Protein backbone atom coordinates (compact mmCIF):
# COMPACT_ATOMS: atom_id res chain seq x y z
CA MET A 1 0.47 -13.99 4.47
CA THR A 2 1.32 -12.95 0.91
CA ALA A 3 1.51 -9.44 -0.19
CA ARG A 4 -1.68 -10.13 -2.26
CA GLN A 5 -3.54 -11.48 0.80
CA LEU A 6 -2.56 -8.43 2.83
CA LEU A 7 -3.75 -5.90 0.19
CA GLU A 8 -7.03 -7.66 0.07
CA LYS A 9 -7.36 -7.37 3.95
CA LEU A 10 -6.11 -3.92 3.91
CA PRO A 11 -9.56 -2.18 3.75
CA GLU A 12 -10.29 -3.81 7.09
CA ALA A 13 -7.38 -1.68 8.55
CA PHE A 14 -7.85 1.37 6.45
CA ASP A 15 -8.60 4.72 8.01
CA GLY A 16 -11.05 6.36 5.76
CA ALA A 17 -11.34 9.45 8.01
CA ARG A 18 -7.67 10.13 7.51
CA ALA A 19 -8.02 9.60 3.77
CA GLY A 20 -10.60 12.40 3.60
CA ASP A 21 -11.20 13.26 0.01
CA LEU A 22 -8.14 11.56 -1.37
CA HIS A 23 -8.67 9.94 -4.81
CA ALA A 24 -5.67 7.83 -5.93
CA VAL A 25 -4.68 4.76 -7.76
CA VAL A 26 -1.68 2.90 -6.31
CA GLN A 27 0.05 0.04 -8.39
CA TYR A 28 1.93 -2.42 -6.48
CA ASP A 29 4.53 -4.38 -8.62
CA LEU A 30 4.63 -7.64 -6.69
CA ALA A 31 4.74 -11.37 -7.48
CA GLU A 32 1.14 -10.89 -8.27
CA PRO A 33 0.61 -7.27 -9.61
CA THR A 34 -2.17 -5.62 -7.77
CA TYR A 35 -3.47 -2.06 -7.48
CA GLN A 36 -5.68 -0.18 -5.09
CA VAL A 37 -8.24 2.49 -5.77
CA ILE A 38 -8.65 5.03 -3.00
CA GLU A 39 -11.71 7.20 -3.07
CA ALA A 40 -14.38 8.50 -0.84
CA GLY A 41 -12.59 7.41 2.36
CA THR A 42 -12.44 3.69 0.97
CA VAL A 43 -10.07 1.53 -0.64
CA ARG A 44 -10.48 -1.38 -2.83
CA THR A 45 -8.05 -3.98 -4.24
CA VAL A 46 -8.00 -5.05 -7.79
CA ALA A 47 -5.82 -7.80 -9.51
CA GLY A 48 -3.63 -6.69 -12.31
CA ARG A 49 -2.32 -3.42 -13.59
CA ALA A 50 -3.87 -0.13 -13.48
CA GLU A 51 -4.10 1.89 -16.76
CA ALA A 52 -2.64 5.20 -15.28
CA PRO A 53 -1.59 4.86 -11.56
CA ASP A 54 -0.83 7.89 -9.49
CA LEU A 55 1.89 6.04 -7.77
CA THR A 56 3.71 2.77 -8.54
CA LEU A 57 5.58 0.84 -5.79
CA ALA A 58 7.90 -1.95 -6.70
CA MET A 59 9.30 -4.29 -3.82
CA ALA A 60 9.51 -7.84 -2.60
CA ASP A 61 6.32 -9.37 -1.31
CA GLU A 62 7.70 -9.86 2.19
CA ASP A 63 9.05 -6.22 2.28
CA LEU A 64 5.44 -4.92 1.50
CA VAL A 65 3.95 -7.17 4.24
CA ALA A 66 6.54 -5.90 6.76
CA LEU A 67 5.93 -2.25 5.71
CA PHE A 68 2.23 -2.22 6.37
CA ARG A 69 2.73 -4.12 9.62
CA GLY A 70 5.09 -1.46 10.85
CA GLU A 71 8.10 -3.94 10.86
CA LEU A 72 9.92 -2.10 8.11
CA ALA A 73 10.35 1.66 8.05
CA PRO A 74 9.49 3.20 4.67
CA SER A 75 12.44 5.50 4.72
CA LEU A 76 14.76 2.40 5.32
CA ALA A 77 13.10 0.44 2.61
CA PHE A 78 13.60 3.38 0.28
CA MET A 79 17.37 4.19 1.09
CA THR A 80 18.32 0.50 0.94
CA GLY A 81 16.68 -0.02 -2.48
CA ARG A 82 14.06 -2.44 -1.16
CA LEU A 83 11.43 -0.03 -2.32
CA ARG A 84 11.27 1.63 -5.69
CA MET A 85 8.72 4.24 -6.51
CA GLN A 86 7.56 6.04 -9.48
CA GLY A 87 4.89 8.88 -9.41
CA ASP A 88 3.48 10.96 -6.51
CA VAL A 89 6.01 10.73 -3.78
CA ARG A 90 3.73 12.80 -1.35
CA LEU A 91 1.08 9.96 -1.77
CA ALA A 92 3.70 7.33 -0.91
CA GLN A 93 4.33 9.17 2.42
CA GLN A 94 0.69 9.13 3.16
CA LEU A 95 0.07 5.54 2.45
CA VAL A 96 1.32 3.88 5.71
CA ASP A 97 -0.45 6.58 7.70
CA LEU A 98 -3.76 5.60 6.32
CA VAL A 99 -3.47 2.06 7.58
CA ASP A 100 -3.76 0.96 11.31
CA GLN A 101 -0.57 -1.16 11.67
CA ASP A 102 -1.81 -2.84 14.88
CA ARG A 103 -5.08 -3.98 13.06
CA MET A 104 -3.07 -5.26 10.09
CA ARG A 105 -1.00 -7.48 12.51
CA GLU A 106 -4.11 -8.76 14.02
CA LEU A 107 -5.48 -9.64 10.63
CA GLY A 108 -2.51 -11.95 9.93
């Protein structure tokens, strides 16, 4: 599964109850730039670049897939330089917790 495919399936594993009233735009700098809009307990995936993202994450596609499947610890990815981020660091810490990693593994 490519990172883009994973991000397109992510709404199926997104925990809207945990997201609460969070409103954010997350840009993923990947082989195929993609961003997600989180609002009203939902997430939608859009191809391209967001105009003013709250958070930008840059990493290899395979690392993003491993991260959301729970196979790569976010702290390890960041400390080893496999994950670079710009913007709201608190939002970055929340992202993985908003996704059911077991469900992500089931989806592909």
